[in-house]
Structure formats: C-alpha cells, structure tokens
Amino acid sequence: MTTDVDTPAQATPREWLGLAVLALPTLLLSIDVSVLHLAVPHISAALDPSAAQMLWIIDIYGFLIAGFLVTMGTLGDRIGRRKLLLIGAAAFGLASLAAVYADGPVSLIVA
C-alpha cells in the first residue's frame, strides 16, 4: 500500500539569494545602531552635545524606522520594491556620508 504524499518544494539558490538581499538592509541597520552605541563616548567628547541632543542622536533611527514603515510600504507598492530598496540604500549611504562630516550635534541629528 503506497500513499502519495506531497513533499514541500526545496528553495532554489535564487530564492536564497533573494532572502539574503532582503535581509541585508536589516543587518546593516543593526550594525549601524551597534556602532552608534559604541561611539557615544567619542561623539560626546568631540561634539559636546546636550543631554537632549544626545538622546536625539541615539533615538533618531527608531523614530525614522517607525515613521517610514507604513509610508515606504505604500510607496513600494506604487513604484516597486526593488527600486525603493535601491533608492533607500543610496539615501542611507548619502546620509551616512553626511553624518561622517557633521561638525556639530545639530548637523549630526539632521544627517
């Protein structure tokens, strides 16, 4: 007596690559937040921010992620998720470059 059981399809290398590409922005964000927390003493010494400015420097990532979550999901539906991912990666790179050259706490917060 044999039974015909459907076995689940195995993921192809292309699907694994797609998963890696989609997980990369999350990995980069978590690394960037970790580096920021490690750099807090150096930022405090170099820029001399107030306590409120230091909170903004540390917490701005969470605010932006929460604020853009629904907005970027809707925009991704309209213009395409791949295009939005590439635009977001370029914007993140430019903002990181602007943060490197920030000469004060306000310009760092804006960057």
PDB file of N, CA and C in Angstrom:
ATOM      1  N   MET A   1       0.835  -1.155   0.000  1.00  0.00           N
ATOM      2  CA  MET A   1       0.000   0.000   0.000  1.00  0.00           C
ATOM      3  C   MET A   1       0.892   1.235   0.000  1.00  0.00           C
ATOM      4  N   THR A   2       0.741   2.049  -0.985  1.00  0.00           N
ATOM      5  CA  THR A   2       1.539   3.261  -1.091  1.00  0.00           C
ATOM      6  C   THR A   2       0.612   4.463  -1.010  1.00  0.00           C
ATOM      7  N   THR A   3       1.135   5.505  -0.422  1.00  0.00           N
ATOM      8  CA  THR A   3       0.375   6.754  -0.368  1.00  0.00           C
ATOM      9  C   THR A   3       1.143   7.815  -1.127  1.00  0.00           C
ATOM     10  N   ASP A   4       0.405   8.690  -1.718  1.00  0.00           N
ATOM     11  CA  ASP A   4       1.012   9.765  -2.496  1.00  0.00           C
ATOM     12  C   ASP A   4       1.056  11.024  -1.629  1.00  0.00           C
ATOM     13  N   VAL A   5       2.222  11.275  -1.004  1.00  0.00           N
ATOM     14  CA  VAL A   5       2.376  12.424  -0.113  1.00  0.00           C
ATOM     15  C   VAL A   5       3.144  13.510  -0.853  1.00  0.00           C
ATOM     16  N   ASP A   6       2.614  14.708  -0.824  1.00  0.00           N
ATOM     17  CA  ASP A   6       3.293  15.834  -1.464  1.00  0.00           C
ATOM     18  C   ASP A   6       4.431  16.306  -0.565  1.00  0.00           C
ATOM     19  N   THR A   7       5.612  16.353  -1.132  1.00  0.00           N
ATOM     20  CA  THR A   7       6.741  16.874  -0.380  1.00  0.00           C
ATOM     21  C   THR A   7       6.896  18.361  -0.709  1.00  0.00           C
ATOM     22  N   PRO A   8       7.248  19.149   0.283  1.00  0.00           N
ATOM     23  CA  PRO A   8       7.388  20.581   0.008  1.00  0.00           C
ATOM     24  C   PRO A   8       8.563  20.845  -0.939  1.00  0.00           C
ATOM     25  N   ALA A   9       8.392  21.831  -1.782  1.00  0.00           N
ATOM     26  CA  ALA A   9       9.447  22.176  -2.740  1.00  0.00           C
ATOM     27  C   ALA A   9      10.626  22.794  -1.998  1.00  0.00           C
ATOM     28  N   GLN A  10      11.824  22.449  -2.426  1.00  0.00           N
ATOM     29  CA  GLN A  10      13.032  22.996  -1.827  1.00  0.00           C
ATOM     30  C   GLN A  10      13.324  24.371  -2.434  1.00  0.00           C
ATOM     31  N   ALA A  11      13.893  25.244  -1.635  1.00  0.00           N
ATOM     32  CA  ALA A  11      14.242  26.573  -2.118  1.00  0.00           C
ATOM     33  C   ALA A  11      15.413  26.476  -3.086  1.00  0.00           C
ATOM     34  N   THR A  12      15.333  27.268  -4.129  1.00  0.00           N
ATOM     35  CA  THR A  12      16.405  27.296  -5.126  1.00  0.00           C
ATOM     36  C   THR A  12      17.481  28.288  -4.682  1.00  0.00           C
ATOM     37  N   PRO A  13      18.664  28.212  -5.272  1.00  0.00           N
ATOM     38  CA  PRO A  13      19.714  29.191  -4.929  1.00  0.00           C
ATOM     39  C   PRO A  13      19.281  30.632  -5.179  1.00  0.00           C
ATOM     40  N   ARG A  14      18.475  30.853  -6.204  1.00  0.00           N
ATOM     41  CA  ARG A  14      17.982  32.208  -6.484  1.00  0.00           C
ATOM     42  C   ARG A  14      17.100  32.715  -5.350  1.00  0.00           C
ATOM     43  N   GLU A  15      16.274  31.846  -4.780  1.00  0.00           N
ATOM     44  CA  GLU A  15      15.418  32.247  -3.662  1.00  0.00           C
ATOM     45  C   GLU A  15      16.249  32.535  -2.415  1.00  0.00           C
ATOM     46  N   TRP A  16      17.298  31.743  -2.162  1.00  0.00           N
ATOM     47  CA  TRP A  16      18.188  32.002  -1.033  1.00  0.00           C
ATOM     48  C   TRP A  16      18.918  33.332  -1.218  1.00  0.00           C
ATOM     49  N   LEU A  17      19.331  33.628  -2.434  1.00  0.00           N
ATOM     50  CA  LEU A  17      19.982  34.899  -2.720  1.00  0.00           C
ATOM     51  C   LEU A  17      19.016  36.058  -2.488  1.00  0.00           C
ATOM     52  N   GLY A  18      17.774  35.888  -2.907  1.00  0.00           N
ATOM     53  CA  GLY A  18      16.757  36.910  -2.667  1.00  0.00           C
ATOM     54  C   GLY A  18      16.543  37.158  -1.182  1.00  0.00           C
ATOM     55  N   LEU A  19      16.532  36.098  -0.401  1.00  0.00           N
ATOM     56  CA  LEU A  19      16.392  36.245   1.049  1.00  0.00           C
ATOM     57  C   LEU A  19      17.574  36.991   1.637  1.00  0.00           C
ATOM     58  N   ALA A  20      18.769  36.675   1.163  1.00  0.00           N
ATOM     59  CA  ALA A  20      19.968  37.356   1.655  1.00  0.00           C
ATOM     60  C   ALA A  20      19.931  38.842   1.298  1.00  0.00           C
ATOM     61  N   VAL A  21      19.497  39.170   0.095  1.00  0.00           N
ATOM     62  CA  VAL A  21      19.417  40.574  -0.325  1.00  0.00           C
ATOM     63  C   VAL A  21      18.385  41.320   0.505  1.00  0.00           C
ATOM     64  N   LEU A  22      17.275  40.680   0.842  1.00  0.00           N
ATOM     65  CA  LEU A  22      16.252  41.336   1.654  1.00  0.00           C
ATOM     66  C   LEU A  22      16.671  41.452   3.114  1.00  0.00           C
ATOM     67  N   ALA A  23      17.496  40.539   3.597  1.00  0.00           N
ATOM     68  CA  ALA A  23      17.949  40.599   4.987  1.00  0.00           C
ATOM     69  C   ALA A  23      19.117  41.564   5.176  1.00  0.00           C
ATOM     70  N   LEU A  24      19.807  41.906   4.105  1.00  0.00           N
ATOM     71  CA  LEU A  24      20.976  42.773   4.198  1.00  0.00           C
ATOM     72  C   LEU A  24      20.670  44.150   4.789  1.00  0.00           C
ATOM     73  N   PRO A  25      19.596  44.846   4.383  1.00  0.00           N
ATOM     74  CA  PRO A  25      19.322  46.155   4.999  1.00  0.00           C
ATOM     75  C   PRO A  25      19.089  46.060   6.511  1.00  0.00           C
ATOM     76  N   THR A  26      18.436  45.018   6.965  1.00  0.00           N
ATOM     77  CA  THR A  26      18.217  44.847   8.396  1.00  0.00           C
ATOM     78  C   THR A  26      19.534  44.612   9.115  1.00  0.00           C
ATOM     79  N   LEU A  27      20.402  43.822   8.519  1.00  0.00           N
ATOM     80  CA  LEU A  27      21.712  43.580   9.105  1.00  0.00           C
ATOM     81  C   LEU A  27      22.530  44.870   9.169  1.00  0.00           C
ATOM     82  N   LEU A  28      22.520  45.649   8.088  1.00  0.00           N
ATOM     83  CA  LEU A  28      23.265  46.901   8.073  1.00  0.00           C
ATOM     84  C   LEU A  28      22.733  47.883   9.112  1.00  0.00           C
ATOM     85  N   LEU A  29      21.430  47.947   9.270  1.00  0.00           N
ATOM     86  CA  LEU A  29      20.836  48.840  10.258  1.00  0.00           C
ATOM     87  C   LEU A  29      21.230  48.428  11.667  1.00  0.00           C
ATOM     88  N   SER A  30      21.189  47.140  11.954  1.00  0.00           N
ATOM     89  CA  SER A  30      21.554  46.687  13.303  1.00  0.00           C
ATOM     90  C   SER A  30      23.036  46.911  13.579  1.00  0.00           C
ATOM     91  N   ILE A  31      23.890  46.735  12.576  1.00  0.00           N
ATOM     92  CA  ILE A  31      25.315  47.012  12.750  1.00  0.00           C
ATOM     93  C   ILE A  31      25.534  48.509  12.985  1.00  0.00           C
ATOM     94  N   ASP A  32      24.828  49.336  12.225  1.00  0.00           N
ATOM     95  CA  ASP A  32      24.980  50.780  12.360  1.00  0.00           C
ATOM     96  C   ASP A  32      24.532  51.261  13.740  1.00  0.00           C
ATOM     97  N   VAL A  33      23.437  50.726  14.251  1.00  0.00           N
ATOM     98  CA  VAL A  33      22.976  51.096  15.590  1.00  0.00           C
ATOM     99  C   VAL A  33      23.974  50.627  16.649  1.00  0.00           C
ATOM    100  N   SER A  34      24.526  49.442  16.480  1.00  0.00           N
ATOM    101  CA  SER A  34      25.531  48.945  17.428  1.00  0.00           C
ATOM    102  C   SER A  34      26.778  49.829  17.428  1.00  0.00           C
ATOM    103  N   VAL A  35      27.228  50.223  16.252  1.00  0.00           N
ATOM    104  CA  VAL A  35      28.393  51.102  16.150  1.00  0.00           C
ATOM    105  C   VAL A  35      28.087  52.458  16.782  1.00  0.00           C
ATOM    106  N   LEU A  36      26.881  52.951  16.573  1.00  0.00           N
ATOM    107  CA  LEU A  36      26.495  54.231  17.172  1.00  0.00           C
ATOM    108  C   LEU A  36      26.567  54.164  18.691  1.00  0.00           C
ATOM    109  N   HIS A  37      26.056  53.087  19.263  1.00  0.00           N
ATOM    110  CA  HIS A  37      26.088  52.959  20.721  1.00  0.00           C
ATOM    111  C   HIS A  37      27.524  52.840  21.233  1.00  0.00           C
ATOM    112  N   LEU A  38      28.385  52.201  20.484  1.00  0.00           N
ATOM    113  CA  LEU A  38      29.785  52.109  20.891  1.00  0.00           C
ATOM    114  C   LEU A  38      30.512  53.448  20.737  1.00  0.00           C
ATOM    115  N   ALA A  39      30.033  54.293  19.827  1.00  0.00           N
ATOM    116  CA  ALA A  39      30.694  55.571  19.569  1.00  0.00           C
ATOM    117  C   ALA A  39      30.175  56.710  20.437  1.00  0.00           C
ATOM    118  N   VAL A  40      29.208  56.460  21.288  1.00  0.00           N
ATOM    119  CA  VAL A  40      28.621  57.522  22.111  1.00  0.00           C
ATOM    120  C   VAL A  40      29.679  58.285  22.918  1.00  0.00           C
ATOM    121  N   PRO A  41      30.621  57.628  23.598  1.00  0.00           N
ATOM    122  CA  PRO A  41      31.622  58.416  24.334  1.00  0.00           C
ATOM    123  C   PRO A  41      32.463  59.327  23.432  1.00  0.00           C
ATOM    124  N   HIS A  42      32.805  58.844  22.250  1.00  0.00           N
ATOM    125  CA  HIS A  42      33.605  59.650  21.325  1.00  0.00           C
ATOM    126  C   HIS A  42      32.788  60.808  20.750  1.00  0.00           C
ATOM    127  N   ILE A  43      31.511  60.558  20.471  1.00  0.00           N
ATOM    128  CA  ILE A  43      30.644  61.626  19.971  1.00  0.00           C
ATOM    129  C   ILE A  43      30.473  62.689  21.046  1.00  0.00           C
ATOM    130  N   SER A  44      30.283  62.271  22.279  1.00  0.00           N
ATOM    131  CA  SER A  44      30.127  63.220  23.380  1.00  0.00           C
ATOM    132  C   SER A  44      31.374  64.076  23.553  1.00  0.00           C
ATOM    133  N   ALA A  45      32.544  63.468  23.431  1.00  0.00           N
ATOM    134  CA  ALA A  45      33.789  64.216  23.588  1.00  0.00           C
ATOM    135  C   ALA A  45      34.043  65.152  22.413  1.00  0.00           C
ATOM    136  N   ALA A  46      33.737  64.710  21.210  1.00  0.00           N
ATOM    137  CA  ALA A  46      34.067  65.502  20.023  1.00  0.00           C
ATOM    138  C   ALA A  46      33.072  66.628  19.761  1.00  0.00           C
ATOM    139  N   LEU A  47      31.776  66.371  19.941  1.00  0.00           N
ATOM    140  CA  LEU A  47      30.757  67.353  19.564  1.00  0.00           C
ATOM    141  C   LEU A  47      30.160  68.098  20.749  1.00  0.00           C
ATOM    142  N   ASP A  48      30.357  67.597  21.964  1.00  0.00           N
ATOM    143  CA  ASP A  48      29.826  68.193  23.192  1.00  0.00           C
ATOM    144  C   ASP A  48      28.325  68.492  23.090  1.00  0.00           C
ATOM    145  N   PRO A  49      27.505  67.475  22.798  1.00  0.00           N
ATOM    146  CA  PRO A  49      26.062  67.718  22.700  1.00  0.00           C
ATOM    147  C   PRO A  49      25.431  67.807  24.092  1.00  0.00           C
ATOM    148  N   SER A  50      24.261  68.448  24.140  1.00  0.00           N
ATOM    149  CA  SER A  50      23.500  68.469  25.392  1.00  0.00           C
ATOM    150  C   SER A  50      22.866  67.092  25.577  1.00  0.00           C
ATOM    151  N   ALA A  51      22.262  66.885  26.734  1.00  0.00           N
ATOM    152  CA  ALA A  51      21.621  65.589  27.006  1.00  0.00           C
ATOM    153  C   ALA A  51      20.479  65.328  26.023  1.00  0.00           C
ATOM    154  N   ALA A  52      19.695  66.352  25.726  1.00  0.00           N
ATOM    155  CA  ALA A  52      18.587  66.187  24.781  1.00  0.00           C
ATOM    156  C   ALA A  52      19.103  65.882  23.377  1.00  0.00           C
ATOM    157  N   GLN A  53      20.165  66.551  22.966  1.00  0.00           N
ATOM    158  CA  GLN A  53      20.731  66.287  21.645  1.00  0.00           C
ATOM    159  C   GLN A  53      21.302  64.878  21.562  1.00  0.00           C
ATOM    160  N   MET A  54      21.913  64.409  22.658  1.00  0.00           N
ATOM    161  CA  MET A  54      22.449  63.041  22.654  1.00  0.00           C
ATOM    162  C   MET A  54      21.328  62.018  22.540  1.00  0.00           C
ATOM    163  N   LEU A  55      20.186  62.264  23.188  1.00  0.00           N
ATOM    164  CA  LEU A  55      19.031  61.371  23.042  1.00  0.00           C
ATOM    165  C   LEU A  55      18.539  61.351  21.603  1.00  0.00           C
ATOM    166  N   TRP A  56      18.502  62.515  20.957  1.00  0.00           N
ATOM    167  CA  TRP A  56      18.081  62.563  19.562  1.00  0.00           C
ATOM    168  C   TRP A  56      19.057  61.801  18.671  1.00  0.00           C
ATOM    169  N   ILE A  57      20.349  61.958  18.923  1.00  0.00           N
ATOM    170  CA  ILE A  57      21.353  61.263  18.107  1.00  0.00           C
ATOM    171  C   ILE A  57      21.165  59.754  18.215  1.00  0.00           C
ATOM    172  N   ILE A  58      20.901  59.266  19.412  1.00  0.00           N
ATOM    173  CA  ILE A  58      20.772  57.824  19.623  1.00  0.00           C
ATOM    174  C   ILE A  58      19.425  57.289  19.131  1.00  0.00           C
ATOM    175  N   ASP A  59      18.347  58.039  19.346  1.00  0.00           N
ATOM    176  CA  ASP A  59      16.994  57.523  19.088  1.00  0.00           C
ATOM    177  C   ASP A  59      16.437  57.837  17.713  1.00  0.00           C
ATOM    178  N   ILE A  60      17.133  58.601  16.899  1.00  0.00           N
ATOM    179  CA  ILE A  60      16.570  59.009  15.615  1.00  0.00           C
ATOM    180  C   ILE A  60      16.324  57.824  14.684  1.00  0.00           C
ATOM    181  N   TYR A  61      17.143  56.774  14.765  1.00  0.00           N
ATOM    182  CA  TYR A  61      16.923  55.593  13.918  1.00  0.00           C
ATOM    183  C   TYR A  61      15.562  54.965  14.194  1.00  0.00           C
ATOM    184  N   GLY A  62      15.256  54.767  15.467  1.00  0.00           N
ATOM    185  CA  GLY A  62      13.968  54.171  15.814  1.00  0.00           C
ATOM    186  C   GLY A  62      12.795  55.017  15.363  1.00  0.00           C
ATOM    187  N   PHE A  63      12.908  56.327  15.519  1.00  0.00           N
ATOM    188  CA  PHE A  63      11.837  57.218  15.082  1.00  0.00           C
ATOM    189  C   PHE A  63      11.637  57.145  13.573  1.00  0.00           C
ATOM    190  N   LEU A  64      12.727  57.152  12.829  1.00  0.00           N
ATOM    191  CA  LEU A  64      12.602  57.111  11.374  1.00  0.00           C
ATOM    192  C   LEU A  64      12.072  55.764  10.877  1.00  0.00           C
ATOM    193  N   ILE A  65      12.534  54.687  11.483  1.00  0.00           N
ATOM    194  CA  ILE A  65      12.033  53.366  11.085  1.00  0.00           C
ATOM    195  C   ILE A  65      10.532  53.278  11.330  1.00  0.00           C
ATOM    196  N   ALA A  66      10.106  53.700  12.512  1.00  0.00           N
ATOM    197  CA  ALA A  66       8.676  53.644  12.840  1.00  0.00           C
ATOM    198  C   ALA A  66       7.866  54.565  11.942  1.00  0.00           C
ATOM    199  N   GLY A  67       8.387  55.738  11.664  1.00  0.00           N
ATOM    200  CA  GLY A  67       7.649  56.696  10.850  1.00  0.00           C
ATOM    201  C   GLY A  67       7.553  56.311   9.378  1.00  0.00           C
ATOM    202  N   PHE A  68       8.606  55.687   8.867  1.00  0.00           N
ATOM    203  CA  PHE A  68       8.631  55.351   7.446  1.00  0.00           C
ATOM    204  C   PHE A  68       8.089  53.963   7.133  1.00  0.00           C
ATOM    205  N   LEU A  69       7.771  53.164   8.116  1.00  0.00           N
ATOM    206  CA  LEU A  69       7.383  51.777   7.878  1.00  0.00           C
ATOM    207  C   LEU A  69       6.167  51.676   6.964  1.00  0.00           C
ATOM    208  N   VAL A  70       5.083  52.308   7.321  1.00  0.00           N
ATOM    209  CA  VAL A  70       3.860  52.236   6.512  1.00  0.00           C
ATOM    210  C   VAL A  70       4.014  53.053   5.241  1.00  0.00           C
ATOM    211  N   THR A  71       4.644  54.221   5.362  1.00  0.00           N
ATOM    212  CA  THR A  71       4.808  55.097   4.200  1.00  0.00           C
ATOM    213  C   THR A  71       5.619  54.421   3.104  1.00  0.00           C
ATOM    214  N   MET A  72       6.729  53.820   3.464  1.00  0.00           N
ATOM    215  CA  MET A  72       7.573  53.180   2.459  1.00  0.00           C
ATOM    216  C   MET A  72       6.940  51.892   1.926  1.00  0.00           C
ATOM    217  N   GLY A  73       6.138  51.218   2.738  1.00  0.00           N
ATOM    218  CA  GLY A  73       5.410  50.053   2.244  1.00  0.00           C
ATOM    219  C   GLY A  73       4.438  50.442   1.140  1.00  0.00           C
ATOM    220  N   THR A  74       3.722  51.547   1.356  1.00  0.00           N
ATOM    221  CA  THR A  74       2.789  52.040   0.344  1.00  0.00           C
ATOM    222  C   THR A  74       3.540  52.531  -0.890  1.00  0.00           C
ATOM    223  N   LEU A  75       4.638  53.246  -0.671  1.00  0.00           N
ATOM    224  CA  LEU A  75       5.427  53.726  -1.802  1.00  0.00           C
ATOM    225  C   LEU A  75       6.040  52.566  -2.584  1.00  0.00           C
ATOM    226  N   GLY A  76       6.435  51.515  -1.872  1.00  0.00           N
ATOM    227  CA  GLY A  76       6.962  50.325  -2.539  1.00  0.00           C
ATOM    228  C   GLY A  76       5.923  49.658  -3.423  1.00  0.00           C
ATOM    229  N   ASP A  77       4.657  49.693  -2.995  1.00  0.00           N
ATOM    230  CA  ASP A  77       3.587  49.153  -3.827  1.00  0.00           C
ATOM    231  C   ASP A  77       3.421  49.963  -5.108  1.00  0.00           C
ATOM    232  N   ARG A  78       3.660  51.258  -5.018  1.00  0.00           N
ATOM    233  CA  ARG A  78       3.440  52.119  -6.178  1.00  0.00           C
ATOM    234  C   ARG A  78       4.598  52.116  -7.167  1.00  0.00           C
ATOM    235  N   ILE A  79       5.838  52.225  -6.663  1.00  0.00           N
ATOM    236  CA  ILE A  79       6.974  52.351  -7.589  1.00  0.00           C
ATOM    237  C   ILE A  79       7.776  51.070  -7.730  1.00  0.00           C
ATOM    238  N   GLY A  80       7.518  50.101  -6.884  1.00  0.00           N
ATOM    239  CA  GLY A  80       8.237  48.837  -6.946  1.00  0.00           C
ATOM    240  C   GLY A  80       9.205  48.700  -5.790  1.00  0.00           C
ATOM    241  N   ARG A  81       9.210  47.539  -5.198  1.00  0.00           N
ATOM    242  CA  ARG A  81      10.027  47.317  -4.009  1.00  0.00           C
ATOM    243  C   ARG A  81      11.527  47.311  -4.326  1.00  0.00           C
ATOM    244  N   ARG A  82      11.905  46.773  -5.452  1.00  0.00           N
ATOM    245  CA  ARG A  82      13.326  46.736  -5.811  1.00  0.00           C
ATOM    246  C   ARG A  82      13.864  48.150  -6.000  1.00  0.00           C
ATOM    247  N   LYS A  83      13.114  48.966  -6.740  1.00  0.00           N
ATOM    248  CA  LYS A  83      13.537  50.342  -6.965  1.00  0.00           C
ATOM    249  C   LYS A  83      13.607  51.106  -5.639  1.00  0.00           C
ATOM    250  N   LEU A  84      12.625  50.900  -4.778  1.00  0.00           N
ATOM    251  CA  LEU A  84      12.621  51.577  -3.482  1.00  0.00           C
ATOM    252  C   LEU A  84      13.780  51.108  -2.609  1.00  0.00           C
ATOM    253  N   LEU A  85      14.113  49.831  -2.663  1.00  0.00           N
ATOM    254  CA  LEU A  85      15.250  49.309  -1.909  1.00  0.00           C
ATOM    255  C   LEU A  85      16.556  49.947  -2.385  1.00  0.00           C
ATOM    256  N   LEU A  86      16.724  50.094  -3.686  1.00  0.00           N
ATOM    257  CA  LEU A  86      17.934  50.727  -4.224  1.00  0.00           C
ATOM    258  C   LEU A  86      17.993  52.214  -3.875  1.00  0.00           C
ATOM    259  N   ILE A  87      16.853  52.891  -3.958  1.00  0.00           N
ATOM    260  CA  ILE A  87      16.806  54.308  -3.591  1.00  0.00           C
ATOM    261  C   ILE A  87      17.108  54.472  -2.103  1.00  0.00           C
ATOM    262  N   GLY A  88      16.529  53.608  -1.287  1.00  0.00           N
ATOM    263  CA  GLY A  88      16.775  53.669   0.150  1.00  0.00           C
ATOM    264  C   GLY A  88      18.219  53.393   0.514  1.00  0.00           C
ATOM    265  N   ALA A  89      18.842  52.444  -0.165  1.00  0.00           N
ATOM    266  CA  ALA A  89      20.254  52.142   0.092  1.00  0.00           C
ATOM    267  C   ALA A  89      21.136  53.333  -0.284  1.00  0.00           C
ATOM    268  N   ALA A  90      20.831  53.970  -1.403  1.00  0.00           N
ATOM    269  CA  ALA A  90      21.602  55.149  -1.815  1.00  0.00           C
ATOM    270  C   ALA A  90      21.392  56.305  -0.836  1.00  0.00           C
ATOM    271  N   ALA A  91      20.150  56.525  -0.409  1.00  0.00           N
ATOM    272  CA  ALA A  91      19.872  57.593   0.553  1.00  0.00           C
ATOM    273  C   ALA A  91      20.553  57.325   1.890  1.00  0.00           C
ATOM    274  N   PHE A  92      20.553  56.059   2.319  1.00  0.00           N
ATOM    275  CA  PHE A  92      21.222  55.695   3.568  1.00  0.00           C
ATOM    276  C   PHE A  92      22.722  55.944   3.466  1.00  0.00           C
ATOM    277  N   GLY A  93      23.310  55.615   2.330  1.00  0.00           N
ATOM    278  CA  GLY A  93      24.737  55.861   2.124  1.00  0.00           C
ATOM    279  C   GLY A  93      25.067  57.343   2.133  1.00  0.00           C
ATOM    280  N   LEU A  94      24.241  58.147   1.473  1.00  0.00           N
ATOM    281  CA  LEU A  94      24.471  59.592   1.460  1.00  0.00           C
ATOM    282  C   LEU A  94      24.295  60.204   2.847  1.00  0.00           C
ATOM    283  N   ALA A  95      23.277  59.742   3.580  1.00  0.00           N
ATOM    284  CA  ALA A  95      23.065  60.250   4.943  1.00  0.00           C
ATOM    285  C   ALA A  95      24.215  59.838   5.860  1.00  0.00           C
ATOM    286  N   SER A  96      24.732  58.641   5.685  1.00  0.00           N
ATOM    287  CA  SER A  96      25.881  58.201   6.481  1.00  0.00           C
ATOM    288  C   SER A  96      27.111  59.033   6.159  1.00  0.00           C
ATOM    289  N   LEU A  97      27.292  59.360   4.894  1.00  0.00           N
ATOM    290  CA  LEU A  97      28.410  60.205   4.485  1.00  0.00           C
ATOM    291  C   LEU A  97      28.266  61.605   5.085  1.00  0.00           C
ATOM    292  N   ALA A  98      27.048  62.134   5.095  1.00  0.00           N
ATOM    293  CA  ALA A  98      26.811  63.449   5.710  1.00  0.00           C
ATOM    294  C   ALA A  98      27.066  63.391   7.215  1.00  0.00           C
ATOM    295  N   ALA A  99      26.734  62.269   7.858  1.00  0.00           N
ATOM    296  CA  ALA A  99      26.976  62.132   9.296  1.00  0.00           C
ATOM    297  C   ALA A  99      28.462  62.085   9.615  1.00  0.00           C
ATOM    298  N   VAL A 100      29.248  61.520   8.714  1.00  0.00           N
ATOM    299  CA  VAL A 100      30.696  61.454   8.933  1.00  0.00           C
ATOM    300  C   VAL A 100      31.292  62.857   9.006  1.00  0.00           C
ATOM    301  N   TYR A 101      30.799  63.751   8.173  1.00  0.00           N
ATOM    302  CA  TYR A 101      31.357  65.098   8.107  1.00  0.00           C
ATOM    303  C   TYR A 101      30.574  66.104   8.947  1.00  0.00           C
ATOM    304  N   ALA A 102      29.717  65.653   9.864  1.00  0.00           N
ATOM    305  CA  ALA A 102      28.968  66.557  10.728  1.00  0.00           C
ATOM    306  C   ALA A 102      29.923  67.256  11.682  1.00  0.00           C
ATOM    307  N   ASP A 103      29.784  68.582  11.784  1.00  0.00           N
ATOM    308  CA  ASP A 103      30.682  69.342  12.635  1.00  0.00           C
ATOM    309  C   ASP A 103      30.022  69.789  13.948  1.00  0.00           C
ATOM    310  N   GLY A 104      28.790  69.424  14.153  1.00  0.00           N
ATOM    311  CA  GLY A 104      28.093  69.772  15.393  1.00  0.00           C
ATOM    312  C   GLY A 104      26.968  68.798  15.649  1.00  0.00           C
ATOM    313  N   PRO A 105      26.394  68.835  16.835  1.00  0.00           N
ATOM    314  CA  PRO A 105      25.320  67.877  17.158  1.00  0.00           C
ATOM    315  C   PRO A 105      24.072  68.064  16.293  1.00  0.00           C
ATOM    316  N   VAL A 106      23.741  69.290  15.943  1.00  0.00           N
ATOM    317  CA  VAL A 106      22.532  69.519  15.129  1.00  0.00           C
ATOM    318  C   VAL A 106      22.713  68.945  13.731  1.00  0.00           C
ATOM    319  N   SER A 107      23.874  69.148  13.134  1.00  0.00           N
ATOM    320  CA  SER A 107      24.099  68.608  11.794  1.00  0.00           C
ATOM    321  C   SER A 107      24.155  67.070  11.829  1.00  0.00           C
ATOM    322  N   LEU A 108      24.616  66.496  12.925  1.00  0.00           N
ATOM    323  CA  LEU A 108      24.605  65.035  13.059  1.00  0.00           C
ATOM    324  C   LEU A 108      23.171  64.518  13.165  1.00  0.00           C
ATOM    325  N   ILE A 109      22.333  65.202  13.925  1.00  0.00           N
ATOM    326  CA  ILE A 109      20.930  64.794  14.059  1.00  0.00           C
ATOM    327  C   ILE A 109      20.225  64.891  12.708  1.00  0.00           C
ATOM    328  N   VAL A 110      20.466  65.954  11.989  1.00  0.00           N
ATOM    329  CA  VAL A 110      19.832  66.136  10.674  1.00  0.00           C
ATOM    330  C   VAL A 110      20.301  65.071   9.697  1.00  0.00           C
ATOM    331  N   ALA A 111      21.597  64.756   9.751  1.00  0.00           N
ATOM    332  CA  ALA A 111      22.145  63.738   8.850  1.00  0.00           C
ATOM    333  C   ALA A 111      21.579  62.377   9.185  1.00  0.00           C
TER     334      ALA A 111
END
